[in-house]
Amino acid sequence: MSAITLNGAPRVVPEDTTVVDLVAETVGRALGPDGHPVDGGRLGVAVAVDAAVVPRSRWGRTPVAEGQSIEIITAVQGG
């Protein structure tokens, strides 16, 4: 298990967790390894690991490591 910070809150995740796993859990949708929803819809999410943006194409290949700080930002419509 790895202790991380997710959106400012402490969290413990399995050692084989990737960014795509965290995003899928956070948004409640199944995602492919490329970070795109398997239902074909839009996602509207950005991810930063230790303040560095991780491109969606790398989410499935980016492991989550002990001590990292991860921010998952979801775009919402409205004014």
PDB file of N, CA and C in Angstrom:
ATOM      1  N   MET A   1       0.840  -1.183   0.000  1.00  0.00           N
ATOM      2  CA  MET A   1       0.000   0.000   0.000  1.00  0.00           C
ATOM      3  C   MET A   1       0.889   1.252   0.000  1.00  0.00           C
ATOM      4  N   SER A   2       0.383   2.294  -0.661  1.00  0.00           N
ATOM      5  CA  SER A   2       1.121   3.556  -0.750  1.00  0.00           C
ATOM      6  C   SER A   2       0.272   4.687  -0.188  1.00  0.00           C
ATOM      7  N   ALA A   3       0.864   5.514   0.646  1.00  0.00           N
ATOM      8  CA  ALA A   3       0.185   6.685   1.189  1.00  0.00           C
ATOM      9  C   ALA A   3       0.432   7.860   0.249  1.00  0.00           C
ATOM     10  N   ILE A   4      -0.648   8.469  -0.223  1.00  0.00           N
ATOM     11  CA  ILE A   4      -0.567   9.620  -1.127  1.00  0.00           C
ATOM     12  C   ILE A   4      -1.493  10.717  -0.611  1.00  0.00           C
ATOM     13  N   THR A   5      -1.468  11.848  -1.296  1.00  0.00           N
ATOM     14  CA  THR A   5      -2.441  12.907  -1.056  1.00  0.00           C
ATOM     15  C   THR A   5      -3.231  13.075  -2.347  1.00  0.00           C
ATOM     16  N   LEU A   6      -4.538  12.917  -2.268  1.00  0.00           N
ATOM     17  CA  LEU A   6      -5.406  13.057  -3.437  1.00  0.00           C
ATOM     18  C   LEU A   6      -6.352  14.222  -3.201  1.00  0.00           C
ATOM     19  N   ASN A   7      -6.231  15.249  -4.019  1.00  0.00           N
ATOM     20  CA  ASN A   7      -7.053  16.455  -3.896  1.00  0.00           C
ATOM     21  C   ASN A   7      -7.020  17.012  -2.477  1.00  0.00           C
ATOM     22  N   GLY A   8      -5.819  17.012  -1.880  1.00  0.00           N
ATOM     23  CA  GLY A   8      -5.614  17.608  -0.568  1.00  0.00           C
ATOM     24  C   GLY A   8      -5.920  16.713   0.618  1.00  0.00           C
ATOM     25  N   ALA A   9      -6.398  15.490   0.373  1.00  0.00           N
ATOM     26  CA  ALA A   9      -6.740  14.581   1.471  1.00  0.00           C
ATOM     27  C   ALA A   9      -5.817  13.360   1.460  1.00  0.00           C
ATOM     28  N   PRO A  10      -5.393  12.904   2.638  1.00  0.00           N
ATOM     29  CA  PRO A  10      -4.557  11.714   2.688  1.00  0.00           C
ATOM     30  C   PRO A  10      -5.331  10.490   2.207  1.00  0.00           C
ATOM     31  N   ARG A  11      -4.619   9.584   1.558  1.00  0.00           N
ATOM     32  CA  ARG A  11      -5.273   8.406   0.991  1.00  0.00           C
ATOM     33  C   ARG A  11      -4.250   7.288   0.902  1.00  0.00           C
ATOM     34  N   VAL A  12      -4.707   6.069   1.072  1.00  0.00           N
ATOM     35  CA  VAL A  12      -3.852   4.895   0.914  1.00  0.00           C
ATOM     36  C   VAL A  12      -4.393   4.100  -0.266  1.00  0.00           C
ATOM     37  N   VAL A  13      -3.498   3.759  -1.201  1.00  0.00           N
ATOM     38  CA  VAL A  13      -3.896   3.037  -2.410  1.00  0.00           C
ATOM     39  C   VAL A  13      -3.002   1.812  -2.597  1.00  0.00           C
ATOM     40  N   PRO A  14      -3.490   0.804  -3.318  1.00  0.00           N
ATOM     41  CA  PRO A  14      -2.627  -0.352  -3.619  1.00  0.00           C
ATOM     42  C   PRO A  14      -1.391   0.088  -4.402  1.00  0.00           C
ATOM     43  N   GLU A  15      -0.297  -0.649  -4.239  1.00  0.00           N
ATOM     44  CA  GLU A  15       0.964  -0.271  -4.868  1.00  0.00           C
ATOM     45  C   GLU A  15       0.927  -0.287  -6.393  1.00  0.00           C
ATOM     46  N   ASP A  16       0.020  -1.034  -7.006  1.00  0.00           N
ATOM     47  CA  ASP A  16      -0.037  -1.095  -8.474  1.00  0.00           C
ATOM     48  C   ASP A  16      -1.005  -0.081  -9.082  1.00  0.00           C
ATOM     49  N   THR A  17      -1.448   0.894  -8.298  1.00  0.00           N
ATOM     50  CA  THR A  17      -2.394   1.911  -8.772  1.00  0.00           C
ATOM     51  C   THR A  17      -1.736   2.841  -9.782  1.00  0.00           C
ATOM     52  N   THR A  18      -2.483   3.173 -10.834  1.00  0.00           N
ATOM     53  CA  THR A  18      -2.031   4.150 -11.823  1.00  0.00           C
ATOM     54  C   THR A  18      -2.943   5.370 -11.763  1.00  0.00           C
ATOM     55  N   VAL A  19      -2.528   6.417 -12.438  1.00  0.00           N
ATOM     56  CA  VAL A  19      -3.346   7.631 -12.491  1.00  0.00           C
ATOM     57  C   VAL A  19      -4.717   7.324 -13.092  1.00  0.00           C
ATOM     58  N   VAL A  20      -4.776   6.496 -14.126  1.00  0.00           N
ATOM     59  CA  VAL A  20      -6.071   6.189 -14.741  1.00  0.00           C
ATOM     60  C   VAL A  20      -6.997   5.498 -13.741  1.00  0.00           C
ATOM     61  N   ASP A  21      -6.454   4.687 -12.849  1.00  0.00           N
ATOM     62  CA  ASP A  21      -7.271   4.040 -11.817  1.00  0.00           C
ATOM     63  C   ASP A  21      -7.895   5.081 -10.885  1.00  0.00           C
ATOM     64  N   LEU A  22      -7.098   6.053 -10.457  1.00  0.00           N
ATOM     65  CA  LEU A  22      -7.603   7.097  -9.565  1.00  0.00           C
ATOM     66  C   LEU A  22      -8.659   7.956 -10.244  1.00  0.00           C
ATOM     67  N   VAL A  23      -8.422   8.306 -11.502  1.00  0.00           N
ATOM     68  CA  VAL A  23      -9.395   9.131 -12.225  1.00  0.00           C
ATOM     69  C   VAL A  23     -10.713   8.369 -12.383  1.00  0.00           C
ATOM     70  N   ALA A  24     -10.647   7.108 -12.783  1.00  0.00           N
ATOM     71  CA  ALA A  24     -11.856   6.305 -12.970  1.00  0.00           C
ATOM     72  C   ALA A  24     -12.658   6.233 -11.675  1.00  0.00           C
ATOM     73  N   GLU A  25     -11.980   6.017 -10.569  1.00  0.00           N
ATOM     74  CA  GLU A  25     -12.666   5.949  -9.278  1.00  0.00           C
ATOM     75  C   GLU A  25     -13.268   7.302  -8.903  1.00  0.00           C
ATOM     76  N   THR A  26     -12.525   8.378  -9.143  1.00  0.00           N
ATOM     77  CA  THR A  26     -12.985   9.716  -8.783  1.00  0.00           C
ATOM     78  C   THR A  26     -14.212  10.144  -9.582  1.00  0.00           C
ATOM     79  N   VAL A  27     -14.210   9.863 -10.885  1.00  0.00           N
ATOM     80  CA  VAL A  27     -15.330  10.295 -11.729  1.00  0.00           C
ATOM     81  C   VAL A  27     -16.439   9.253 -11.809  1.00  0.00           C
ATOM     82  N   GLY A  28     -16.174   8.043 -11.322  1.00  0.00           N
ATOM     83  CA  GLY A  28     -17.195   7.008 -11.323  1.00  0.00           C
ATOM     84  C   GLY A  28     -17.524   6.453 -12.698  1.00  0.00           C
ATOM     85  N   ARG A  29     -16.522   6.418 -13.574  1.00  0.00           N
ATOM     86  CA  ARG A  29     -16.720   5.906 -14.930  1.00  0.00           C
ATOM     87  C   ARG A  29     -15.570   4.977 -15.297  1.00  0.00           C
ATOM     88  N   ALA A  30     -15.872   4.007 -16.142  1.00  0.00           N
ATOM     89  CA  ALA A  30     -14.829   3.107 -16.633  1.00  0.00           C
ATOM     90  C   ALA A  30     -14.007   3.829 -17.691  1.00  0.00           C
ATOM     91  N   LEU A  31     -12.690   3.730 -17.555  1.00  0.00           N
ATOM     92  CA  LEU A  31     -11.781   4.367 -18.504  1.00  0.00           C
ATOM     93  C   LEU A  31     -10.869   3.321 -19.115  1.00  0.00           C
ATOM     94  N   GLY A  32     -10.520   3.533 -20.372  1.00  0.00           N
ATOM     95  CA  GLY A  32      -9.543   2.676 -21.024  1.00  0.00           C
ATOM     96  C   GLY A  32      -8.148   3.077 -20.583  1.00  0.00           C
ATOM     97  N   PRO A  33      -7.137   2.299 -20.945  1.00  0.00           N
ATOM     98  CA  PRO A  33      -5.770   2.619 -20.550  1.00  0.00           C
ATOM     99  C   PRO A  33      -5.270   3.949 -21.129  1.00  0.00           C
ATOM    100  N   ASP A  34      -5.943   4.439 -22.176  1.00  0.00           N
ATOM    101  CA  ASP A  34      -5.570   5.726 -22.768  1.00  0.00           C
ATOM    102  C   ASP A  34      -6.240   6.899 -22.057  1.00  0.00           C
ATOM    103  N   GLY A  35      -7.045   6.614 -21.018  1.00  0.00           N
ATOM    104  CA  GLY A  35      -7.693   7.671 -20.257  1.00  0.00           C
ATOM    105  C   GLY A  35      -9.029   8.121 -20.806  1.00  0.00           C
ATOM    106  N   HIS A  36      -9.457   7.569 -21.916  1.00  0.00           N
ATOM    107  CA  HIS A  36     -10.748   7.949 -22.491  1.00  0.00           C
ATOM    108  C   HIS A  36     -11.856   7.051 -21.951  1.00  0.00           C
ATOM    109  N   PRO A  37     -13.046   7.611 -21.708  1.00  0.00           N
ATOM    110  CA  PRO A  37     -14.153   6.803 -21.199  1.00  0.00           C
ATOM    111  C   PRO A  37     -14.526   5.700 -22.187  1.00  0.00           C
ATOM    112  N   VAL A  38     -14.786   4.510 -21.665  1.00  0.00           N
ATOM    113  CA  VAL A  38     -15.156   3.400 -22.536  1.00  0.00           C
ATOM    114  C   VAL A  38     -16.545   3.593 -23.135  1.00  0.00           C
ATOM    115  N   ASP A  39     -17.354   4.488 -22.534  1.00  0.00           N
ATOM    116  CA  ASP A  39     -18.680   4.758 -23.089  1.00  0.00           C
ATOM    117  C   ASP A  39     -18.635   5.750 -24.251  1.00  0.00           C
ATOM    118  N   GLY A  40     -17.444   6.242 -24.585  1.00  0.00           N
ATOM    119  CA  GLY A  40     -17.286   7.147 -25.719  1.00  0.00           C
ATOM    120  C   GLY A  40     -17.618   8.604 -25.432  1.00  0.00           C
ATOM    121  N   GLY A  41     -18.062   8.913 -24.218  1.00  0.00           N
ATOM    122  CA  GLY A  41     -18.416  10.291 -23.861  1.00  0.00           C
ATOM    123  C   GLY A  41     -17.189  11.139 -23.571  1.00  0.00           C
ATOM    124  N   ARG A  42     -17.453  12.374 -23.218  1.00  0.00           N
ATOM    125  CA  ARG A  42     -16.386  13.307 -22.861  1.00  0.00           C
ATOM    126  C   ARG A  42     -16.080  13.184 -21.377  1.00  0.00           C
ATOM    127  N   LEU A  43     -14.874  13.562 -20.996  1.00  0.00           N
ATOM    128  CA  LEU A  43     -14.471  13.417 -19.607  1.00  0.00           C
ATOM    129  C   LEU A  43     -14.272  14.758 -18.900  1.00  0.00           C
ATOM    130  N   GLY A  44     -13.568  15.685 -19.487  1.00  0.00           N
ATOM    131  CA  GLY A  44     -13.367  17.000 -18.872  1.00  0.00           C
ATOM    132  C   GLY A  44     -12.568  16.956 -17.578  1.00  0.00           C
ATOM    133  N   VAL A  45     -11.450  16.223 -17.583  1.00  0.00           N
ATOM    134  CA  VAL A  45     -10.629  16.064 -16.388  1.00  0.00           C
ATOM    135  C   VAL A  45      -9.170  16.351 -16.727  1.00  0.00           C
ATOM    136  N   ALA A  46      -8.484  16.982 -15.788  1.00  0.00           N
ATOM    137  CA  ALA A  46      -7.034  17.181 -15.893  1.00  0.00           C
ATOM    138  C   ALA A  46      -6.404  16.631 -14.623  1.00  0.00           C
ATOM    139  N   VAL A  47      -5.164  16.155 -14.746  1.00  0.00           N
ATOM    140  CA  VAL A  47      -4.472  15.556 -13.603  1.00  0.00           C
ATOM    141  C   VAL A  47      -3.072  16.147 -13.482  1.00  0.00           C
ATOM    142  N   ALA A  48      -2.698  16.453 -12.247  1.00  0.00           N
ATOM    143  CA  ALA A  48      -1.329  16.876 -11.949  1.00  0.00           C
ATOM    144  C   ALA A  48      -0.775  15.976 -10.850  1.00  0.00           C
ATOM    145  N   VAL A  49       0.442  15.520 -11.036  1.00  0.00           N
ATOM    146  CA  VAL A  49       1.148  14.723 -10.032  1.00  0.00           C
ATOM    147  C   VAL A  49       2.348  15.543  -9.587  1.00  0.00           C
ATOM    148  N   ASP A  50       2.393  15.852  -8.312  1.00  0.00           N
ATOM    149  CA  ASP A  50       3.443  16.710  -7.763  1.00  0.00           C
ATOM    150  C   ASP A  50       3.582  17.994  -8.581  1.00  0.00           C
ATOM    151  N   ALA A  51       2.450  18.607  -8.874  1.00  0.00           N
ATOM    152  CA  ALA A  51       2.336  19.891  -9.575  1.00  0.00           C
ATOM    153  C   ALA A  51       2.718  19.856 -11.051  1.00  0.00           C
ATOM    154  N   ALA A  52       2.937  18.670 -11.620  1.00  0.00           N
ATOM    155  CA  ALA A  52       3.242  18.546 -13.049  1.00  0.00           C
ATOM    156  C   ALA A  52       2.055  17.878 -13.746  1.00  0.00           C
ATOM    157  N   VAL A  53       1.554  18.520 -14.781  1.00  0.00           N
ATOM    158  CA  VAL A  53       0.421  17.965 -15.518  1.00  0.00           C
ATOM    159  C   VAL A  53       0.836  16.662 -16.195  1.00  0.00           C
ATOM    160  N   VAL A  54      -0.045  15.667 -16.089  1.00  0.00           N
ATOM    161  CA  VAL A  54       0.189  14.373 -16.736  1.00  0.00           C
ATOM    162  C   VAL A  54      -0.760  14.290 -17.931  1.00  0.00           C
ATOM    163  N   PRO A  55      -0.236  14.204 -19.152  1.00  0.00           N
ATOM    164  CA  PRO A  55      -1.107  14.100 -20.324  1.00  0.00           C
ATOM    165  C   PRO A  55      -1.970  12.835 -20.247  1.00  0.00           C
ATOM    166  N   ARG A  56      -3.193  12.952 -20.701  1.00  0.00           N
ATOM    167  CA  ARG A  56      -4.127  11.830 -20.651  1.00  0.00           C
ATOM    168  C   ARG A  56      -3.553  10.568 -21.288  1.00  0.00           C
ATOM    169  N   SER A  57      -2.798  10.725 -22.351  1.00  0.00           N
ATOM    170  CA  SER A  57      -2.223   9.566 -23.037  1.00  0.00           C
ATOM    171  C   SER A  57      -1.270   8.770 -22.150  1.00  0.00           C
ATOM    172  N   ARG A  58      -0.800   9.371 -21.039  1.00  0.00           N
ATOM    173  CA  ARG A  58       0.132   8.685 -20.134  1.00  0.00           C
ATOM    174  C   ARG A  58      -0.509   8.231 -18.827  1.00  0.00           C
ATOM    175  N   TRP A  59      -1.792   8.499 -18.611  1.00  0.00           N
ATOM    176  CA  TRP A  59      -2.436   8.145 -17.348  1.00  0.00           C
ATOM    177  C   TRP A  59      -2.287   6.664 -17.022  1.00  0.00           C
ATOM    178  N   GLY A  60      -2.500   5.794 -17.995  1.00  0.00           N
ATOM    179  CA  GLY A  60      -2.439   4.358 -17.762  1.00  0.00           C
ATOM    180  C   GLY A  60      -1.036   3.840 -17.511  1.00  0.00           C
ATOM    181  N   ARG A  61      -0.027   4.629 -17.903  1.00  0.00           N
ATOM    182  CA  ARG A  61       1.379   4.221 -17.725  1.00  0.00           C
ATOM    183  C   ARG A  61       2.057   4.976 -16.594  1.00  0.00           C
ATOM    184  N   THR A  62       1.285   5.793 -15.866  1.00  0.00           N
ATOM    185  CA  THR A  62       1.870   6.580 -14.786  1.00  0.00           C
ATOM    186  C   THR A  62       1.488   5.974 -13.442  1.00  0.00           C
ATOM    187  N   PRO A  63       2.444   5.283 -12.800  1.00  0.00           N
ATOM    188  CA  PRO A  63       2.138   4.686 -11.502  1.00  0.00           C
ATOM    189  C   PRO A  63       2.057   5.751 -10.415  1.00  0.00           C
ATOM    190  N   VAL A  64       1.287   5.445  -9.406  1.00  0.00           N
ATOM    191  CA  VAL A  64       1.172   6.313  -8.236  1.00  0.00           C
ATOM    192  C   VAL A  64       2.176   5.811  -7.205  1.00  0.00           C
ATOM    193  N   ALA A  65       2.999   6.715  -6.689  1.00  0.00           N
ATOM    194  CA  ALA A  65       4.063   6.322  -5.761  1.00  0.00           C
ATOM    195  C   ALA A  65       3.855   6.947  -4.381  1.00  0.00           C
ATOM    196  N   GLU A  66       4.408   6.287  -3.406  1.00  0.00           N
ATOM    197  CA  GLU A  66       4.365   6.736  -2.020  1.00  0.00           C
ATOM    198  C   GLU A  66       4.750   8.211  -1.917  1.00  0.00           C
ATOM    199  N   GLY A  67       3.940   8.979  -1.190  1.00  0.00           N
ATOM    200  CA  GLY A  67       4.245  10.371  -0.907  1.00  0.00           C
ATOM    201  C   GLY A  67       3.837  11.371  -1.973  1.00  0.00           C
ATOM    202  N   GLN A  68       3.329  10.904  -3.105  1.00  0.00           N
ATOM    203  CA  GLN A  68       2.957  11.845  -4.161  1.00  0.00           C
ATOM    204  C   GLN A  68       1.699  12.625  -3.802  1.00  0.00           C
ATOM    205  N   SER A  69       1.627  13.818  -4.377  1.00  0.00           N
ATOM    206  CA  SER A  69       0.443  14.657  -4.249  1.00  0.00           C
ATOM    207  C   SER A  69      -0.216  14.716  -5.632  1.00  0.00           C
ATOM    208  N   ILE A  70      -1.469  14.278  -5.692  1.00  0.00           N
ATOM    209  CA  ILE A  70      -2.180  14.182  -6.966  1.00  0.00           C
ATOM    210  C   ILE A  70      -3.430  15.044  -6.892  1.00  0.00           C
ATOM    211  N   GLU A  71      -3.604  15.854  -7.914  1.00  0.00           N
ATOM    212  CA  GLU A  71      -4.801  16.684  -8.045  1.00  0.00           C
ATOM    213  C   GLU A  71      -5.559  16.249  -9.282  1.00  0.00           C
ATOM    214  N   ILE A  72      -6.827  15.939  -9.106  1.00  0.00           N
ATOM    215  CA  ILE A  72      -7.707  15.598 -10.227  1.00  0.00           C
ATOM    216  C   ILE A  72      -8.742  16.707 -10.302  1.00  0.00           C
ATOM    217  N   ILE A  73      -8.715  17.432 -11.399  1.00  0.00           N
ATOM    218  CA  ILE A  73      -9.575  18.598 -11.591  1.00  0.00           C
ATOM    219  C   ILE A  73     -10.625  18.275 -12.638  1.00  0.00           C
ATOM    220  N   THR A  74     -11.890  18.473 -12.278  1.00  0.00           N
ATOM    221  CA  THR A  74     -13.002  18.205 -13.179  1.00  0.00           C
ATOM    222  C   THR A  74     -13.617  19.516 -13.622  1.00  0.00           C
ATOM    223  N   ALA A  75     -13.757  19.676 -14.939  1.00  0.00           N
ATOM    224  CA  ALA A  75     -14.402  20.873 -15.475  1.00  0.00           C
ATOM    225  C   ALA A  75     -15.912  20.743 -15.300  1.00  0.00           C
ATOM    226  N   VAL A  76     -16.550  21.850 -14.929  1.00  0.00           N
ATOM    227  CA  VAL A  76     -18.012  21.874 -14.810  1.00  0.00           C
ATOM    228  C   VAL A  76     -18.544  23.078 -15.571  1.00  0.00           C
ATOM    229  N   GLN A  77     -19.723  22.922 -16.133  1.00  0.00           N
ATOM    230  CA  GLN A  77     -20.357  24.022 -16.838  1.00  0.00           C
ATOM    231  C   GLN A  77     -21.104  24.899 -15.855  1.00  0.00           C
ATOM    232  N   GLY A  78     -21.297  26.111 -16.254  1.00  0.00           N
ATOM    233  CA  GLY A  78     -22.065  27.016 -15.405  1.00  0.00           C
ATOM    234  C   GLY A  78     -21.388  28.360 -15.305  1.00  0.00           C
ATOM    235  N   GLY A  79     -22.061  29.256 -14.699  1.00  0.00           N
ATOM    236  CA  GLY A  79     -21.511  30.589 -14.615  1.00  0.00           C
ATOM    237  C   GLY A  79     -21.408  31.015 -13.253  1.00  0.00           C
TER     238      GLY A  79
END
